[in-house]
Amino acid sequence: MKWTPIFIFSIFLCICIILYLATKLCRVKEQLSIIKDALEDIKRGNLNRRVLTRKSDMTKMICYNINEIAINNQTQLIKLKQSEQAYKRLMTSLSHDVKTPLTSLIGYLEAIHEKIVTGEEREEYMVIALDKSYQLKNFVESLFEWVKLDAKEQIFQFQIYDLNELSRNILADWIPMLEDKQFTYEIDIPDMGYDVRLDYNAYTRILNNLLQNALLHSEGDRIDIHILEDEKQANITIADNGKGISQKDIIHIFERMYQGDESRRISGNGLGLSIVQELVIIHDGTIRVESPPSGGTIFTITFPKVL
């Protein structure tokens, strides 16, 4: 048999291909062993485990997917632990925020029932007891609303509203209360209509919570409300001239159950601003808060215009 150059080259080429495939097979076998060990490690709970691979490996997509699954599970686990810690803090705060006014309420009612107080003092005790009852009622309502928002169970009915007209109607109900609390105010809302996609009840709650926050916690005597609009968005600002918010508190102001200084602990439940932020986000809006060194607090809500 005569070995021609072409035949020799063909034999050489076949040997190279076999060696290449054998090398690839060994690499695949090695990778499969690594993948098997990694999966067992992840199964045991080590979500930090990653599978190293090369761009030329045949198993690279499998390795990438395993790493992505591990990262996603690790992220979910971190969020779950954070949520568990948050709920533990929530339960601790709830026990305090419910127990304190409830104990006080029972004390006033017992004094009235057992006729420890009479006459004008009895009437004063009844007024205080009624105020404590309303505090508990407002707290429970806020808590239920926040829980539904957090669980994504709140049902919204979004419609196109004239933001300016709707805002005027909501704020009109606040004017008697502002005057009763001896607050001066300035309300600047454009006359021309401006369409925004809103849930009526949710938007009402946003404004109510922000105004109530100013009345209860600002220690000021003036509130300014302005709406500025352009072709893309509307900015609603609610500003007071009160004591402002410290820098250590302002970064936490929208956190659930965060109450800041002592005055907030007395009359607040730490849910109002958290609810506001959740509702604004649901409307594809944003909210920010500023507290200048000169004093006062400015909340700015931004909603997109319906195009």
C-alpha atoms as a PDB file:
ATOM      1  CA  MET A   1       0.000   0.000   0.000  1.00  0.00           C
ATOM      2  CA  LYS A   2       1.379   3.325  -1.068  1.00  0.00           C
ATOM      3  CA  TRP A   3       1.058   6.127   1.505  1.00  0.00           C
ATOM      4  CA  THR A   4       0.353   9.236  -0.434  1.00  0.00           C
ATOM      5  CA  PRO A   5       0.783  12.686   1.141  1.00  0.00           C
ATOM      6  CA  ILE A   6      -2.987  13.202   1.080  1.00  0.00           C
ATOM      7  CA  PHE A   7      -3.543   9.955   2.954  1.00  0.00           C
ATOM      8  CA  ILE A   8      -0.910  10.845   5.555  1.00  0.00           C
ATOM      9  CA  PHE A   9      -2.440  14.291   6.007  1.00  0.00           C
ATOM     10  CA  SER A  10      -5.894  12.740   6.443  1.00  0.00           C
ATOM     11  CA  ILE A  11      -4.593  10.367   9.102  1.00  0.00           C
ATOM     12  CA  PHE A  12      -2.888  13.255  10.888  1.00  0.00           C
ATOM     13  CA  LEU A  13      -6.054  15.343  10.706  1.00  0.00           C
ATOM     14  CA  CYS A  14      -8.146  12.512  12.159  1.00  0.00           C
ATOM     15  CA  ILE A  15      -5.701  12.061  15.007  1.00  0.00           C
ATOM     16  CA  CYS A  16      -5.835  15.827  15.761  1.00  0.00           C
ATOM     17  CA  ILE A  17      -9.623  15.785  15.747  1.00  0.00           C
ATOM     18  CA  ILE A  18      -9.705  12.763  18.047  1.00  0.00           C
ATOM     19  CA  LEU A  19      -7.251  14.417  20.441  1.00  0.00           C
ATOM     20  CA  TYR A  20      -9.266  17.651  20.350  1.00  0.00           C
ATOM     21  CA  LEU A  21     -12.528  15.828  21.075  1.00  0.00           C
ATOM     22  CA  ALA A  22     -10.860  13.785  23.810  1.00  0.00           C
ATOM     23  CA  THR A  23      -9.582  17.007  25.405  1.00  0.00           C
ATOM     24  CA  LYS A  24     -13.014  18.564  25.145  1.00  0.00           C
ATOM     25  CA  LEU A  25     -14.610  15.443  26.624  1.00  0.00           C
ATOM     26  CA  CYS A  26     -12.210  15.484  29.549  1.00  0.00           C
ATOM     27  CA  ARG A  27     -12.971  19.181  30.115  1.00  0.00           C
ATOM     28  CA  VAL A  28     -16.722  18.520  29.971  1.00  0.00           C
ATOM     29  CA  LYS A  29     -16.315  15.630  32.400  1.00  0.00           C
ATOM     30  CA  GLU A  30     -14.300  17.865  34.708  1.00  0.00           C
ATOM     31  CA  GLN A  31     -16.911  20.636  34.460  1.00  0.00           C
ATOM     32  CA  LEU A  32     -19.775  18.232  35.124  1.00  0.00           C
ATOM     33  CA  SER A  33     -17.980  17.063  38.263  1.00  0.00           C
ATOM     34  CA  ILE A  34     -17.556  20.703  39.372  1.00  0.00           C
ATOM     35  CA  ILE A  35     -21.220  21.443  38.568  1.00  0.00           C
ATOM     36  CA  LYS A  36     -22.313  18.374  40.552  1.00  0.00           C
ATOM     37  CA  ASP A  37     -20.271  19.482  43.584  1.00  0.00           C
ATOM     38  CA  ALA A  38     -21.582  23.046  43.275  1.00  0.00           C
ATOM     39  CA  LEU A  39     -25.208  21.917  43.091  1.00  0.00           C
ATOM     40  CA  GLU A  40     -24.754  19.723  46.172  1.00  0.00           C
ATOM     41  CA  ASP A  41     -23.118  22.647  47.991  1.00  0.00           C
ATOM     42  CA  ILE A  42     -25.957  24.995  47.017  1.00  0.00           C
ATOM     43  CA  LYS A  43     -28.498  22.348  48.036  1.00  0.00           C
ATOM     44  CA  ARG A  44     -26.898  22.298  51.506  1.00  0.00           C
ATOM     45  CA  GLY A  45     -27.531  26.047  51.756  1.00  0.00           C
ATOM     46  CA  ASN A  46     -24.265  27.580  50.569  1.00  0.00           C
ATOM     47  CA  LEU A  47     -25.678  30.229  48.257  1.00  0.00           C
ATOM     48  CA  ASN A  48     -22.271  31.904  47.992  1.00  0.00           C
ATOM     49  CA  ARG A  49     -21.052  29.032  45.819  1.00  0.00           C
ATOM     50  CA  ARG A  50     -20.317  29.911  42.188  1.00  0.00           C
ATOM     51  CA  VAL A  51     -19.280  27.742  39.236  1.00  0.00           C
ATOM     52  CA  LEU A  52     -16.178  29.059  37.458  1.00  0.00           C
ATOM     53  CA  THR A  53     -16.102  28.548  33.721  1.00  0.00           C
ATOM     54  CA  ARG A  54     -14.305  29.630  30.590  1.00  0.00           C
ATOM     55  CA  LYS A  55     -15.838  31.266  27.541  1.00  0.00           C
ATOM     56  CA  SER A  56     -14.756  28.283  25.462  1.00  0.00           C
ATOM     57  CA  ASP A  57     -16.397  25.669  27.730  1.00  0.00           C
ATOM     58  CA  MET A  58     -19.346  23.773  26.279  1.00  0.00           C
ATOM     59  CA  THR A  59     -21.054  23.925  29.680  1.00  0.00           C
ATOM     60  CA  LYS A  60     -20.685  27.678  30.118  1.00  0.00           C
ATOM     61  CA  MET A  61     -24.436  28.421  29.709  1.00  0.00           C
ATOM     62  CA  ILE A  62     -25.287  25.804  32.334  1.00  0.00           C
ATOM     63  CA  CYS A  63     -22.724  27.358  34.689  1.00  0.00           C
ATOM     64  CA  TYR A  64     -24.049  30.861  34.022  1.00  0.00           C
ATOM     65  CA  ASN A  65     -27.613  29.727  34.771  1.00  0.00           C
ATOM     66  CA  ILE A  66     -26.587  27.963  37.981  1.00  0.00           C
ATOM     67  CA  ASN A  67     -24.760  31.101  39.149  1.00  0.00           C
ATOM     68  CA  GLU A  68     -27.762  33.262  38.289  1.00  0.00           C
ATOM     69  CA  ILE A  69     -30.108  30.964  40.217  1.00  0.00           C
ATOM     70  CA  ALA A  70     -27.762  31.031  43.233  1.00  0.00           C
ATOM     71  CA  ILE A  71     -27.532  34.843  43.122  1.00  0.00           C
ATOM     72  CA  ASN A  72     -31.322  35.222  42.828  1.00  0.00           C
ATOM     73  CA  ASN A  73     -31.916  32.815  45.713  1.00  0.00           C
ATOM     74  CA  GLN A  74     -29.322  34.613  47.798  1.00  0.00           C
ATOM     75  CA  THR A  75     -30.997  37.961  47.080  1.00  0.00           C
ATOM     76  CA  GLN A  76     -34.413  36.550  47.987  1.00  0.00           C
ATOM     77  CA  LEU A  77     -33.013  35.082  51.205  1.00  0.00           C
ATOM     78  CA  ILE A  78     -31.498  38.424  52.184  1.00  0.00           C
ATOM     79  CA  LYS A  79     -34.798  40.188  51.501  1.00  0.00           C
ATOM     80  CA  LEU A  80     -36.658  37.540  53.508  1.00  0.00           C
ATOM     81  CA  LYS A  81     -34.336  37.978  56.490  1.00  0.00           C
ATOM     82  CA  GLN A  82     -34.669  41.758  56.254  1.00  0.00           C
ATOM     83  CA  SER A  83     -38.442  41.392  56.102  1.00  0.00           C
ATOM     84  CA  GLU A  84     -38.445  39.085  59.133  1.00  0.00           C
ATOM     85  CA  GLN A  85     -36.365  41.591  61.083  1.00  0.00           C
ATOM     86  CA  ALA A  86     -38.640  44.415  59.987  1.00  0.00           C
ATOM     87  CA  TYR A  87     -41.725  42.506  61.114  1.00  0.00           C
ATOM     88  CA  LYS A  88     -40.114  41.764  64.469  1.00  0.00           C
ATOM     89  CA  ARG A  89     -39.467  45.479  64.914  1.00  0.00           C
ATOM     90  CA  LEU A  90     -43.014  46.143  63.729  1.00  0.00           C
ATOM     91  CA  MET A  91     -44.495  43.794  66.330  1.00  0.00           C
ATOM     92  CA  THR A  92     -42.374  45.386  69.054  1.00  0.00           C
ATOM     93  CA  SER A  93     -43.509  48.860  68.032  1.00  0.00           C
ATOM     94  CA  LEU A  94     -47.115  47.723  67.725  1.00  0.00           C
ATOM     95  CA  SER A  95     -47.156  46.301  71.236  1.00  0.00           C
ATOM     96  CA  HIS A  96     -45.873  49.621  72.565  1.00  0.00           C
ATOM     97  CA  ASP A  97     -48.029  51.884  70.403  1.00  0.00           C
ATOM     98  CA  VAL A  98     -51.212  49.977  71.233  1.00  0.00           C
ATOM     99  CA  LYS A  99     -50.488  49.162  74.872  1.00  0.00           C
ATOM    100  CA  THR A 100     -49.585  52.704  75.955  1.00  0.00           C
ATOM    101  CA  PRO A 101     -52.740  54.559  74.795  1.00  0.00           C
ATOM    102  CA  LEU A 102     -54.926  51.551  75.657  1.00  0.00           C
ATOM    103  CA  THR A 103     -53.615  51.476  79.235  1.00  0.00           C
ATOM    104  CA  SER A 104     -54.129  55.218  79.498  1.00  0.00           C
ATOM    105  CA  LEU A 105     -57.652  54.938  78.042  1.00  0.00           C
ATOM    106  CA  ILE A 106     -58.592  52.215  80.534  1.00  0.00           C
ATOM    107  CA  GLY A 107     -57.255  54.366  83.368  1.00  0.00           C
ATOM    108  CA  TYR A 108     -59.422  57.340  82.413  1.00  0.00           C
ATOM    109  CA  LEU A 109     -62.529  55.185  81.889  1.00  0.00           C
ATOM    110  CA  GLU A 110     -62.044  53.405  85.225  1.00  0.00           C
ATOM    111  CA  ALA A 111     -61.745  56.768  86.985  1.00  0.00           C
ATOM    112  CA  ILE A 112     -65.010  57.862  85.365  1.00  0.00           C
ATOM    113  CA  HIS A 113     -66.783  54.530  85.989  1.00  0.00           C
ATOM    114  CA  GLU A 114     -65.742  54.336  89.646  1.00  0.00           C
ATOM    115  CA  LYS A 115     -66.656  58.012  90.151  1.00  0.00           C
ATOM    116  CA  ILE A 116     -63.155  58.923  91.272  1.00  0.00           C
ATOM    117  CA  VAL A 117     -63.604  62.135  89.296  1.00  0.00           C
ATOM    118  CA  THR A 118     -66.789  64.173  89.161  1.00  0.00           C
ATOM    119  CA  GLY A 119     -68.128  67.396  87.702  1.00  0.00           C
ATOM    120  CA  GLU A 120     -65.887  69.296  85.309  1.00  0.00           C
ATOM    121  CA  GLU A 121     -62.981  66.940  85.912  1.00  0.00           C
ATOM    122  CA  ARG A 122     -65.155  64.019  84.829  1.00  0.00           C
ATOM    123  CA  GLU A 123     -66.005  65.850  81.601  1.00  0.00           C
ATOM    124  CA  GLU A 124     -62.305  66.502  80.982  1.00  0.00           C
ATOM    125  CA  TYR A 125     -61.557  62.818  81.506  1.00  0.00           C
ATOM    126  CA  MET A 126     -64.265  61.882  79.004  1.00  0.00           C
ATOM    127  CA  VAL A 127     -62.779  64.233  76.397  1.00  0.00           C
ATOM    128  CA  ILE A 128     -59.305  62.754  76.950  1.00  0.00           C
ATOM    129  CA  ALA A 129     -60.664  59.202  76.795  1.00  0.00           C
ATOM    130  CA  LEU A 130     -62.446  59.999  73.523  1.00  0.00           C
ATOM    131  CA  ASP A 131     -59.223  61.460  72.115  1.00  0.00           C
ATOM    132  CA  LYS A 132     -57.316  58.294  73.095  1.00  0.00           C
ATOM    133  CA  SER A 133     -59.998  56.197  71.394  1.00  0.00           C
ATOM    134  CA  TYR A 134     -59.631  58.159  68.169  1.00  0.00           C
ATOM    135  CA  GLN A 135     -55.850  57.736  68.346  1.00  0.00           C
ATOM    136  CA  LEU A 136     -56.273  53.965  68.590  1.00  0.00           C
ATOM    137  CA  LYS A 137     -58.836  53.974  65.782  1.00  0.00           C
ATOM    138  CA  ASN A 138     -56.540  55.973  63.488  1.00  0.00           C
ATOM    139  CA  PHE A 139     -53.615  53.738  64.343  1.00  0.00           C
ATOM    140  CA  VAL A 140     -55.528  50.531  63.575  1.00  0.00           C
ATOM    141  CA  GLU A 141     -56.844  51.974  60.289  1.00  0.00           C
ATOM    142  CA  SER A 142     -53.329  53.030  59.262  1.00  0.00           C
ATOM    143  CA  LEU A 143     -51.959  49.640  60.223  1.00  0.00           C
ATOM    144  CA  PHE A 144     -54.566  47.747  58.177  1.00  0.00           C
ATOM    145  CA  GLU A 145     -53.943  49.991  55.188  1.00  0.00           C
ATOM    146  CA  TRP A 146     -50.190  49.547  55.419  1.00  0.00           C
ATOM    147  CA  VAL A 147     -50.509  45.753  55.756  1.00  0.00           C
ATOM    148  CA  LYS A 148     -52.701  45.602  52.629  1.00  0.00           C
ATOM    149  CA  LEU A 149     -50.233  47.748  50.722  1.00  0.00           C
ATOM    150  CA  ASP A 150     -47.287  45.659  51.866  1.00  0.00           C
ATOM    151  CA  ALA A 151     -49.088  42.437  50.891  1.00  0.00           C
ATOM    152  CA  LYS A 152     -50.098  43.929  47.508  1.00  0.00           C
ATOM    153  CA  GLU A 153     -53.756  43.293  48.372  1.00  0.00           C
ATOM    154  CA  GLN A 154     -54.953  46.877  48.060  1.00  0.00           C
ATOM    155  CA  ILE A 155     -57.330  47.326  45.125  1.00  0.00           C
ATOM    156  CA  PHE A 156     -56.993  50.557  43.151  1.00  0.00           C
ATOM    157  CA  GLN A 157     -59.310  52.126  40.612  1.00  0.00           C
ATOM    158  CA  PHE A 158     -57.210  54.366  38.403  1.00  0.00           C
ATOM    159  CA  GLN A 159     -58.960  57.002  36.338  1.00  0.00           C
ATOM    160  CA  ILE A 160     -58.001  60.180  34.521  1.00  0.00           C
ATOM    161  CA  TYR A 161     -58.573  63.159  36.835  1.00  0.00           C
ATOM    162  CA  ASP A 162     -57.941  66.865  36.593  1.00  0.00           C
ATOM    163  CA  LEU A 163     -55.219  67.083  39.256  1.00  0.00           C
ATOM    164  CA  ASN A 164     -55.882  70.764  39.947  1.00  0.00           C
ATOM    165  CA  GLU A 165     -59.621  70.460  40.445  1.00  0.00           C
ATOM    166  CA  LEU A 166     -59.271  67.308  42.541  1.00  0.00           C
ATOM    167  CA  SER A 167     -56.612  68.933  44.740  1.00  0.00           C
ATOM    168  CA  ARG A 168     -58.777  72.020  45.291  1.00  0.00           C
ATOM    169  CA  ASN A 169     -61.712  69.849  46.395  1.00  0.00           C
ATOM    170  CA  ILE A 170     -59.582  67.886  48.873  1.00  0.00           C
ATOM    171  CA  LEU A 171     -57.873  70.970  50.296  1.00  0.00           C
ATOM    172  CA  ALA A 172     -61.194  72.799  50.715  1.00  0.00           C
ATOM    173  CA  ASP A 173     -62.089  70.328  53.465  1.00  0.00           C
ATOM    174  CA  TRP A 174     -58.846  71.160  55.275  1.00  0.00           C
ATOM    175  CA  ILE A 175     -59.302  74.917  55.437  1.00  0.00           C
ATOM    176  CA  PRO A 176     -61.621  74.878  58.515  1.00  0.00           C
ATOM    177  CA  MET A 177     -59.181  72.598  60.352  1.00  0.00           C
ATOM    178  CA  LEU A 178     -56.186  74.767  59.461  1.00  0.00           C
ATOM    179  CA  GLU A 179     -57.996  77.840  60.709  1.00  0.00           C
ATOM    180  CA  ASP A 180     -59.118  76.017  63.846  1.00  0.00           C
ATOM    181  CA  LYS A 181     -55.473  75.101  64.578  1.00  0.00           C
ATOM    182  CA  GLN A 182     -54.538  78.752  63.893  1.00  0.00           C
ATOM    183  CA  PHE A 183     -52.443  77.899  60.840  1.00  0.00           C
ATOM    184  CA  THR A 184     -52.048  80.463  58.106  1.00  0.00           C
ATOM    185  CA  TYR A 185     -51.844  79.011  54.619  1.00  0.00           C
ATOM    186  CA  GLU A 186     -51.251  79.722  50.969  1.00  0.00           C
ATOM    187  CA  ILE A 187     -52.699  77.480  48.263  1.00  0.00           C
ATOM    188  CA  ASP A 188     -51.428  78.087  44.741  1.00  0.00           C
ATOM    189  CA  ILE A 189     -53.044  75.810  42.144  1.00  0.00           C
ATOM    190  CA  PRO A 190     -53.192  76.589  38.392  1.00  0.00           C
ATOM    191  CA  ASP A 191     -56.618  77.286  36.925  1.00  0.00           C
ATOM    192  CA  MET A 192     -56.026  75.293  33.743  1.00  0.00           C
ATOM    193  CA  GLY A 193     -56.812  71.577  33.875  1.00  0.00           C
ATOM    194  CA  TYR A 194     -54.022  68.998  34.079  1.00  0.00           C
ATOM    195  CA  ASP A 195     -54.798  65.320  33.492  1.00  0.00           C
ATOM    196  CA  VAL A 196     -53.160  62.716  35.724  1.00  0.00           C
ATOM    197  CA  ARG A 197     -53.944  59.028  36.196  1.00  0.00           C
ATOM    198  CA  LEU A 198     -54.943  58.634  39.843  1.00  0.00           C
ATOM    199  CA  ASP A 199     -56.853  56.529  42.309  1.00  0.00           C
ATOM    200  CA  TYR A 200     -59.174  59.020  44.016  1.00  0.00           C
ATOM    201  CA  ASN A 201     -58.999  57.504  47.500  1.00  0.00           C
ATOM    202  CA  ALA A 202     -55.256  56.968  47.343  1.00  0.00           C
ATOM    203  CA  TYR A 203     -54.531  60.543  46.263  1.00  0.00           C
ATOM    204  CA  THR A 204     -56.822  61.860  48.980  1.00  0.00           C
ATOM    205  CA  ARG A 205     -54.932  59.767  51.521  1.00  0.00           C
ATOM    206  CA  ILE A 206     -51.594  61.123  50.273  1.00  0.00           C
ATOM    207  CA  LEU A 207     -52.612  64.749  50.807  1.00  0.00           C
ATOM    208  CA  ASN A 208     -54.406  64.012  54.078  1.00  0.00           C
ATOM    209  CA  ASN A 209     -51.408  62.212  55.571  1.00  0.00           C
ATOM    210  CA  LEU A 210     -48.973  64.960  54.590  1.00  0.00           C
ATOM    211  CA  LEU A 211     -51.197  67.734  55.945  1.00  0.00           C
ATOM    212  CA  GLN A 212     -51.899  65.798  59.129  1.00  0.00           C
ATOM    213  CA  ASN A 213     -48.166  65.224  59.536  1.00  0.00           C
ATOM    214  CA  ALA A 214     -47.545  68.984  59.299  1.00  0.00           C
ATOM    215  CA  LEU A 215     -50.279  69.813  61.808  1.00  0.00           C
ATOM    216  CA  LEU A 216     -49.204  67.200  64.352  1.00  0.00           C
ATOM    217  CA  HIS A 217     -45.432  67.297  64.139  1.00  0.00           C
ATOM    218  CA  SER A 218     -44.126  70.492  62.541  1.00  0.00           C
ATOM    219  CA  GLU A 219     -44.727  72.790  65.550  1.00  0.00           C
ATOM    220  CA  GLY A 220     -45.209  75.555  63.001  1.00  0.00           C
ATOM    221  CA  ASP A 221     -48.114  77.851  62.184  1.00  0.00           C
ATOM    222  CA  ARG A 222     -48.058  78.058  58.401  1.00  0.00           C
ATOM    223  CA  ILE A 223     -48.521  75.648  55.481  1.00  0.00           C
ATOM    224  CA  ASP A 224     -47.916  76.478  51.819  1.00  0.00           C
ATOM    225  CA  ILE A 225     -49.255  74.220  49.060  1.00  0.00           C
ATOM    226  CA  HIS A 226     -48.177  74.744  45.463  1.00  0.00           C
ATOM    227  CA  ILE A 227     -48.681  72.816  42.235  1.00  0.00           C
ATOM    228  CA  LEU A 228     -46.255  73.454  39.389  1.00  0.00           C
ATOM    229  CA  GLU A 229     -46.756  71.737  36.053  1.00  0.00           C
ATOM    230  CA  ASP A 230     -44.985  71.318  32.731  1.00  0.00           C
ATOM    231  CA  GLU A 231     -45.497  69.199  29.618  1.00  0.00           C
ATOM    232  CA  LYS A 232     -44.341  65.988  31.305  1.00  0.00           C
ATOM    233  CA  GLN A 233     -45.091  66.122  35.028  1.00  0.00           C
ATOM    234  CA  ALA A 234     -46.722  67.904  37.935  1.00  0.00           C
ATOM    235  CA  ASN A 235     -44.917  68.798  41.170  1.00  0.00           C
ATOM    236  CA  ILE A 236     -46.983  69.159  44.333  1.00  0.00           C
ATOM    237  CA  THR A 237     -45.170  70.790  47.256  1.00  0.00           C
ATOM    238  CA  ILE A 238     -46.418  70.930  50.827  1.00  0.00           C
ATOM    239  CA  ALA A 239     -44.199  73.101  53.007  1.00  0.00           C
ATOM    240  CA  ASP A 240     -44.425  74.151  56.644  1.00  0.00           C
ATOM    241  CA  ASN A 241     -42.466  76.677  58.704  1.00  0.00           C
ATOM    242  CA  GLY A 242     -41.939  74.388  61.681  1.00  0.00           C
ATOM    243  CA  LYS A 243     -38.879  73.033  63.450  1.00  0.00           C
ATOM    244  CA  GLY A 244     -37.833  70.864  60.515  1.00  0.00           C
ATOM    245  CA  ILE A 245     -36.385  67.355  60.558  1.00  0.00           C
ATOM    246  CA  SER A 246     -32.865  66.511  61.703  1.00  0.00           C
ATOM    247  CA  GLN A 247     -30.442  65.015  59.199  1.00  0.00           C
ATOM    248  CA  LYS A 248     -30.251  61.775  61.182  1.00  0.00           C
ATOM    249  CA  ASP A 249     -34.039  61.405  60.945  1.00  0.00           C
ATOM    250  CA  ILE A 250     -34.698  62.666  57.419  1.00  0.00           C
ATOM    251  CA  ILE A 251     -33.016  59.668  55.747  1.00  0.00           C
ATOM    252  CA  HIS A 252     -35.405  57.341  57.618  1.00  0.00           C
ATOM    253  CA  ILE A 253     -38.554  59.462  57.405  1.00  0.00           C
ATOM    254  CA  PHE A 254     -40.393  57.135  55.004  1.00  0.00           C
ATOM    255  CA  GLU A 255     -39.508  53.933  56.848  1.00  0.00           C
ATOM    256  CA  ARG A 256     -42.439  52.111  58.445  1.00  0.00           C
ATOM    257  CA  MET A 257     -42.810  52.620  62.177  1.00  0.00           C
ATOM    258  CA  TYR A 258     -40.021  55.223  62.210  1.00  0.00           C
ATOM    259  CA  GLN A 259     -41.005  58.025  64.549  1.00  0.00           C
ATOM    260  CA  GLY A 260     -37.920  60.146  64.968  1.00  0.00           C
ATOM    261  CA  ASP A 261     -37.863  62.609  67.836  1.00  0.00           C
ATOM    262  CA  GLU A 262     -39.793  62.513  71.097  1.00  0.00           C
ATOM    263  CA  SER A 263     -42.656  64.698  69.890  1.00  0.00           C
ATOM    264  CA  ARG A 264     -43.406  62.195  67.114  1.00  0.00           C
ATOM    265  CA  ARG A 265     -43.404  59.324  69.582  1.00  0.00           C
ATOM    266  CA  ILE A 266     -46.087  61.037  71.610  1.00  0.00           C
ATOM    267  CA  SER A 267     -48.629  61.608  68.855  1.00  0.00           C
ATOM    268  CA  GLY A 268     -47.507  59.644  65.790  1.00  0.00           C
ATOM    269  CA  ASN A 269     -47.646  55.997  64.801  1.00  0.00           C
ATOM    270  CA  GLY A 270     -44.835  56.012  62.240  1.00  0.00           C
ATOM    271  CA  LEU A 271     -47.021  54.668  59.421  1.00  0.00           C
ATOM    272  CA  GLY A 272     -48.430  57.781  57.761  1.00  0.00           C
ATOM    273  CA  LEU A 273     -45.403  58.760  55.667  1.00  0.00           C
ATOM    274  CA  SER A 274     -44.617  55.143  54.831  1.00  0.00           C
ATOM    275  CA  ILE A 275     -48.137  54.802  53.425  1.00  0.00           C
ATOM    276  CA  VAL A 276     -47.701  58.035  51.466  1.00  0.00           C
ATOM    277  CA  GLN A 277     -44.519  56.766  49.823  1.00  0.00           C
ATOM    278  CA  GLU A 278     -46.110  53.425  48.902  1.00  0.00           C
ATOM    279  CA  LEU A 279     -49.134  55.159  47.356  1.00  0.00           C
ATOM    280  CA  VAL A 280     -46.982  57.607  45.392  1.00  0.00           C
ATOM    281  CA  ILE A 281     -44.863  54.778  43.968  1.00  0.00           C
ATOM    282  CA  ILE A 282     -48.009  52.880  42.938  1.00  0.00           C
ATOM    283  CA  HIS A 283     -48.927  55.969  40.881  1.00  0.00           C
ATOM    284  CA  ASP A 284     -45.522  55.832  39.127  1.00  0.00           C
ATOM    285  CA  GLY A 285     -44.614  58.983  41.008  1.00  0.00           C
ATOM    286  CA  THR A 286     -41.799  60.059  43.304  1.00  0.00           C
ATOM    287  CA  ILE A 287     -41.662  61.816  46.659  1.00  0.00           C
ATOM    288  CA  ARG A 288     -38.778  63.600  48.314  1.00  0.00           C
ATOM    289  CA  VAL A 289     -38.360  65.579  51.509  1.00  0.00           C
ATOM    290  CA  GLU A 290     -36.140  68.538  52.335  1.00  0.00           C
ATOM    291  CA  SER A 291     -35.495  70.333  55.594  1.00  0.00           C
ATOM    292  CA  PRO A 292     -33.453  73.524  55.109  1.00  0.00           C
ATOM    293  CA  PRO A 293     -31.086  74.681  57.890  1.00  0.00           C
ATOM    294  CA  SER A 294     -33.337  77.715  58.381  1.00  0.00           C
ATOM    295  CA  GLY A 295     -36.174  75.390  59.464  1.00  0.00           C
ATOM    296  CA  GLY A 296     -39.341  73.982  58.024  1.00  0.00           C
ATOM    297  CA  THR A 297     -40.028  70.872  55.968  1.00  0.00           C
ATOM    298  CA  ILE A 298     -40.850  70.575  52.262  1.00  0.00           C
ATOM    299  CA  PHE A 299     -42.437  67.481  50.752  1.00  0.00           C
ATOM    300  CA  THR A 300     -42.459  67.339  46.946  1.00  0.00           C
ATOM    301  CA  ILE A 301     -44.551  64.793  45.033  1.00  0.00           C
ATOM    302  CA  THR A 302     -44.103  64.295  41.299  1.00  0.00           C
ATOM    303  CA  PHE A 303     -46.736  62.661  39.096  1.00  0.00           C
ATOM    304  CA  PRO A 304     -46.414  62.035  35.344  1.00  0.00           C
ATOM    305  CA  LYS A 305     -48.870  63.768  33.061  1.00  0.00           C
ATOM    306  CA  VAL A 306     -51.224  61.693  30.959  1.00  0.00           C
ATOM    307  CA  LEU A 307     -49.901  62.095  27.408  1.00  0.00           C
END
